[in-house]
Amino acid sequence: MGDDFFTKKRCDRCGASLAGGRILSMYNEDVLCLECKRKEAERPDYREAVEADHREIRKGNYNFKGIGLKR
């Protein structure tokens, strides 16, 4: 997680306020608003991103940068 996770004011994807909540992307280190997270979770490759994150955590890598966001 980046050092600015708690201090960012705007979503890295859409620029919306993070006052209503924030979460990290499963694809990269973007800080997302909850609406962008909802949209991210609907992507067909979301399961792949989650599984890659879980594999890295099991290996002890708690700073996995994600599989990358393919637009």
N, C-alpha and C. Protein backbone atom coordinates (compact mmCIF):
# COMPACT_ATOMS: atom_id res chain seq x y z
N MET A 1 0.86 -1.17 0.00
CA MET A 1 0.00 0.00 0.00
C MET A 1 0.89 1.23 0.00
N GLY A 2 0.57 2.19 -0.82
CA GLY A 2 1.35 3.41 -0.88
C GLY A 2 1.22 4.24 0.38
N ASP A 3 2.22 5.08 0.61
CA ASP A 3 2.21 5.94 1.79
C ASP A 3 1.08 6.95 1.77
N ASP A 4 0.50 7.18 0.61
CA ASP A 4 -0.54 8.20 0.49
C ASP A 4 -1.96 7.63 0.54
N PHE A 5 -2.11 6.36 0.86
CA PHE A 5 -3.43 5.73 0.86
C PHE A 5 -4.43 6.49 1.72
N PHE A 6 -4.04 6.85 2.92
CA PHE A 6 -4.97 7.52 3.85
C PHE A 6 -5.06 9.02 3.65
N THR A 7 -4.14 9.60 2.89
CA THR A 7 -4.15 11.05 2.72
C THR A 7 -4.72 11.50 1.37
N LYS A 8 -4.82 10.59 0.42
CA LYS A 8 -5.40 10.96 -0.89
C LYS A 8 -6.82 11.45 -0.71
N LYS A 9 -7.18 12.41 -1.50
CA LYS A 9 -8.53 12.98 -1.46
C LYS A 9 -9.40 12.54 -2.63
N ARG A 10 -8.76 12.08 -3.72
CA ARG A 10 -9.48 11.77 -4.95
C ARG A 10 -9.13 10.38 -5.47
N CYS A 11 -10.09 9.74 -6.08
CA CYS A 11 -9.93 8.42 -6.70
C CYS A 11 -8.92 8.52 -7.85
N ASP A 12 -8.00 7.56 -7.92
CA ASP A 12 -7.02 7.54 -9.00
C ASP A 12 -7.64 7.23 -10.35
N ARG A 13 -8.79 6.62 -10.40
CA ARG A 13 -9.43 6.26 -11.68
C ARG A 13 -10.35 7.34 -12.21
N CYS A 14 -11.24 7.82 -11.34
CA CYS A 14 -12.27 8.74 -11.86
C CYS A 14 -12.17 10.15 -11.28
N GLY A 15 -11.37 10.34 -10.25
CA GLY A 15 -11.21 11.66 -9.65
C GLY A 15 -12.26 12.02 -8.63
N ALA A 16 -13.18 11.10 -8.32
CA ALA A 16 -14.23 11.37 -7.33
C ALA A 16 -13.63 11.47 -5.93
N SER A 17 -14.35 12.08 -5.04
CA SER A 17 -13.94 12.20 -3.65
C SER A 17 -13.84 10.81 -3.01
N LEU A 18 -12.88 10.66 -2.12
CA LEU A 18 -12.72 9.42 -1.37
C LEU A 18 -13.34 9.52 0.02
N ALA A 19 -14.11 10.58 0.26
CA ALA A 19 -14.71 10.79 1.58
C ALA A 19 -15.67 9.66 1.96
N GLY A 20 -16.29 9.00 0.99
CA GLY A 20 -17.24 7.92 1.27
C GLY A 20 -16.60 6.56 1.44
N GLY A 21 -15.30 6.48 1.28
CA GLY A 21 -14.58 5.22 1.43
C GLY A 21 -13.53 5.07 0.36
N ARG A 22 -12.58 4.19 0.62
CA ARG A 22 -11.48 3.95 -0.31
C ARG A 22 -11.00 2.52 -0.18
N ILE A 23 -10.42 2.00 -1.26
CA ILE A 23 -9.89 0.65 -1.26
C ILE A 23 -8.83 0.58 -2.36
N LEU A 24 -7.88 -0.32 -2.21
CA LEU A 24 -6.87 -0.49 -3.24
C LEU A 24 -7.39 -1.36 -4.37
N SER A 25 -6.94 -1.08 -5.57
CA SER A 25 -7.26 -1.90 -6.73
C SER A 25 -6.63 -3.28 -6.59
N MET A 26 -7.24 -4.28 -7.18
CA MET A 26 -6.66 -5.61 -7.25
C MET A 26 -5.67 -5.72 -8.40
N TYR A 27 -5.65 -4.74 -9.30
CA TYR A 27 -4.81 -4.79 -10.50
C TYR A 27 -3.49 -4.05 -10.36
N ASN A 28 -3.50 -2.99 -9.58
CA ASN A 28 -2.30 -2.17 -9.42
C ASN A 28 -2.40 -1.43 -8.08
N GLU A 29 -1.68 -0.38 -7.92
CA GLU A 29 -1.66 0.32 -6.64
C GLU A 29 -2.57 1.55 -6.61
N ASP A 30 -3.54 1.61 -7.51
CA ASP A 30 -4.50 2.72 -7.51
C ASP A 30 -5.35 2.69 -6.25
N VAL A 31 -5.63 3.89 -5.73
CA VAL A 31 -6.58 4.05 -4.63
C VAL A 31 -7.92 4.39 -5.28
N LEU A 32 -8.93 3.58 -4.98
CA LEU A 32 -10.21 3.69 -5.66
C LEU A 32 -11.34 4.13 -4.75
N CYS A 33 -12.29 4.86 -5.33
CA CYS A 33 -13.56 5.09 -4.65
C CYS A 33 -14.35 3.79 -4.73
N LEU A 34 -15.41 3.69 -3.97
CA LEU A 34 -16.16 2.44 -3.91
C LEU A 34 -16.90 2.13 -5.22
N GLU A 35 -17.26 3.16 -5.97
CA GLU A 35 -17.92 2.94 -7.25
C GLU A 35 -16.93 2.34 -8.26
N CYS A 36 -15.71 2.84 -8.29
CA CYS A 36 -14.71 2.27 -9.19
C CYS A 36 -14.35 0.85 -8.78
N LYS A 37 -14.33 0.58 -7.48
CA LYS A 37 -14.09 -0.79 -7.01
C LYS A 37 -15.21 -1.72 -7.46
N ARG A 38 -16.44 -1.26 -7.39
CA ARG A 38 -17.58 -2.06 -7.86
C ARG A 38 -17.41 -2.40 -9.33
N LYS A 39 -17.06 -1.40 -10.14
CA LYS A 39 -16.86 -1.61 -11.57
C LYS A 39 -15.69 -2.57 -11.83
N GLU A 40 -14.63 -2.42 -11.05
CA GLU A 40 -13.47 -3.29 -11.19
C GLU A 40 -13.85 -4.75 -10.94
N ALA A 41 -14.66 -4.98 -9.92
CA ALA A 41 -15.07 -6.34 -9.55
C ALA A 41 -15.95 -6.99 -10.62
N GLU A 42 -16.49 -6.23 -11.54
CA GLU A 42 -17.33 -6.76 -12.61
C GLU A 42 -16.53 -7.15 -13.85
N ARG A 43 -15.24 -6.83 -13.87
CA ARG A 43 -14.40 -7.15 -15.03
C ARG A 43 -14.25 -8.66 -15.18
N PRO A 44 -14.17 -9.15 -16.41
CA PRO A 44 -14.03 -10.60 -16.61
C PRO A 44 -12.71 -11.17 -16.08
N ASP A 45 -11.68 -10.35 -15.95
CA ASP A 45 -10.38 -10.83 -15.46
C ASP A 45 -10.16 -10.55 -13.97
N TYR A 46 -11.21 -10.15 -13.26
CA TYR A 46 -11.09 -9.82 -11.84
C TYR A 46 -10.66 -11.04 -11.02
N ARG A 47 -11.26 -12.18 -11.30
CA ARG A 47 -10.91 -13.39 -10.55
C ARG A 47 -9.41 -13.71 -10.69
N GLU A 48 -8.88 -13.52 -11.89
CA GLU A 48 -7.45 -13.73 -12.13
C GLU A 48 -6.61 -12.82 -11.24
N ALA A 49 -7.01 -11.57 -11.11
CA ALA A 49 -6.28 -10.62 -10.28
C ALA A 49 -6.34 -11.01 -8.80
N VAL A 50 -7.50 -11.44 -8.35
CA VAL A 50 -7.67 -11.85 -6.95
C VAL A 50 -6.84 -13.10 -6.66
N GLU A 51 -6.90 -14.07 -7.57
CA GLU A 51 -6.14 -15.30 -7.36
C GLU A 51 -4.64 -15.04 -7.34
N ALA A 52 -4.15 -14.16 -8.20
CA ALA A 52 -2.73 -13.81 -8.20
C ALA A 52 -2.35 -13.16 -6.87
N ASP A 53 -3.20 -12.28 -6.36
CA ASP A 53 -2.94 -11.63 -5.07
C ASP A 53 -2.88 -12.67 -3.95
N HIS A 54 -3.80 -13.61 -3.94
CA HIS A 54 -3.83 -14.65 -2.91
C HIS A 54 -2.59 -15.54 -2.98
N ARG A 55 -2.15 -15.88 -4.20
CA ARG A 55 -0.91 -16.68 -4.35
C ARG A 55 0.28 -15.96 -3.74
N GLU A 56 0.38 -14.66 -4.01
CA GLU A 56 1.50 -13.88 -3.49
C GLU A 56 1.45 -13.78 -1.96
N ILE A 57 0.28 -13.61 -1.41
CA ILE A 57 0.13 -13.54 0.04
C ILE A 57 0.57 -14.86 0.68
N ARG A 58 0.16 -15.97 0.07
CA ARG A 58 0.57 -17.29 0.60
C ARG A 58 2.09 -17.45 0.57
N LYS A 59 2.76 -16.80 -0.38
CA LYS A 59 4.22 -16.85 -0.46
C LYS A 59 4.87 -15.88 0.52
N GLY A 60 4.06 -15.04 1.19
CA GLY A 60 4.60 -14.07 2.13
C GLY A 60 4.80 -12.69 1.55
N ASN A 61 4.39 -12.49 0.30
CA ASN A 61 4.52 -11.19 -0.35
C ASN A 61 3.26 -10.37 -0.07
N TYR A 62 3.37 -9.47 0.88
CA TYR A 62 2.23 -8.62 1.24
C TYR A 62 2.26 -7.28 0.51
N ASN A 63 3.19 -7.12 -0.42
CA ASN A 63 3.32 -5.88 -1.18
C ASN A 63 3.22 -6.14 -2.68
N PHE A 64 2.42 -7.10 -3.07
CA PHE A 64 2.23 -7.43 -4.48
C PHE A 64 1.66 -6.24 -5.21
N LYS A 65 2.23 -5.90 -6.34
CA LYS A 65 1.83 -4.71 -7.09
C LYS A 65 0.67 -4.98 -8.04
N GLY A 66 0.21 -6.23 -8.10
CA GLY A 66 -0.92 -6.56 -8.97
C GLY A 66 -0.48 -7.07 -10.32
N ILE A 67 -1.44 -7.56 -11.09
CA ILE A 67 -1.16 -8.12 -12.40
C ILE A 67 -1.14 -7.06 -13.49
N GLY A 68 -1.47 -5.85 -13.15
CA GLY A 68 -1.54 -4.78 -14.13
C GLY A 68 -2.96 -4.65 -14.68
N LEU A 69 -3.34 -3.45 -14.98
CA LEU A 69 -4.69 -3.18 -15.49
C LEU A 69 -4.64 -3.10 -17.01
N LYS A 70 -5.26 -4.06 -17.65
CA LYS A 70 -5.36 -4.07 -19.12
C LYS A 70 -6.68 -3.42 -19.47
N ARG A 71 -6.64 -2.33 -20.11
CA ARG A 71 -7.87 -1.57 -20.39
C ARG A 71 -8.56 -2.03 -21.60
